Amino acid sequence: MSLRDLKEENRIVIWPSYFFSPTRSKGRRLARMPYKIKTEELVSTLKELGLDPVIIENKKIS
């Protein structure tokens, strides 16, 4: 599944660098988190919220 496919399906894309980059200049968009969240935890939380997350490995923000 490509990013274009996700946009056509009206999905929201969450890039891990939004959370985990060391600085805002390197891509972090949120305040620094006091802990690291695992992908499995994020997926589990999204499912609990009634969403249908799709994980795409090895993609980078272009």
Foldseek 3Di string as FASTA:
>chain_A
DDPVVCVVVVHDDDDCLCADPPDVVVPNVDPHDPDDDDPVNVCVVCVVVVHDDDDDPDDDDD
